[in-house]
C-alpha cells in the first residue's frame, strides 16, 4: 500500500477520546485527572 504524503498523514490531530455515560461521570473523571496532575 502506498504511503500518503506528509500533509495527508498529519492533517488530523490524533487525540485520545473518552466517552462517558453522562455528564456527572465525565466531570468526575476530569476532576480526578486534574487532581492527579496537581
Protein backbone atom coordinates (compact mmCIF):
# COMPACT_ATOMS: atom_id res chain seq x y z
CA UNK A 1 0.00 0.00 0.00
CA UNK A 2 1.42 3.38 -0.96
CA UNK A 3 2.05 5.88 1.78
CA UNK A 4 0.11 9.11 1.81
CA UNK A 5 2.06 12.31 1.52
CA UNK A 6 3.08 14.11 4.73
CA UNK A 7 0.16 16.54 4.55
CA UNK A 8 -2.37 13.70 4.29
CA UNK A 9 -0.73 11.79 7.15
CA UNK A 10 -0.77 14.74 9.55
CA UNK A 11 -3.95 16.54 8.51
CA UNK A 12 -5.91 15.40 11.55
CA UNK A 13 -4.63 15.51 15.09
CA UNK A 14 -4.62 12.19 16.84
CA UNK A 15 -6.21 12.95 20.19
CA UNK A 16 -7.31 10.38 22.72
CA UNK A 17 -11.08 10.47 23.16
CA UNK A 18 -13.12 9.08 26.05
CA UNK A 19 -16.88 8.69 26.01
CA UNK A 20 -18.77 8.67 29.32
CA UNK A 21 -22.26 7.57 30.20
CA UNK A 22 -23.30 11.02 31.39
CA UNK A 23 -22.05 14.46 32.35
CA UNK A 24 -21.52 13.53 36.00
CA UNK A 25 -19.25 10.61 35.13
CA UNK A 26 -17.25 12.77 32.74
CA UNK A 27 -16.90 15.53 35.33
CA UNK A 28 -15.62 13.09 37.95
CA UNK A 29 -13.11 11.61 35.53
CA UNK A 30 -11.80 15.04 34.51
CA UNK A 31 -11.58 16.18 38.14
CA UNK A 32 -9.67 13.03 39.09
CA UNK A 33 -7.23 13.54 36.25
CA UNK A 34 -6.63 17.18 37.24
CA UNK A 35 -6.17 16.18 40.89
CA UNK A 36 -3.62 13.56 39.86
CA UNK A 37 -1.62 16.17 37.94
CA UNK A 38 -1.63 18.55 40.88
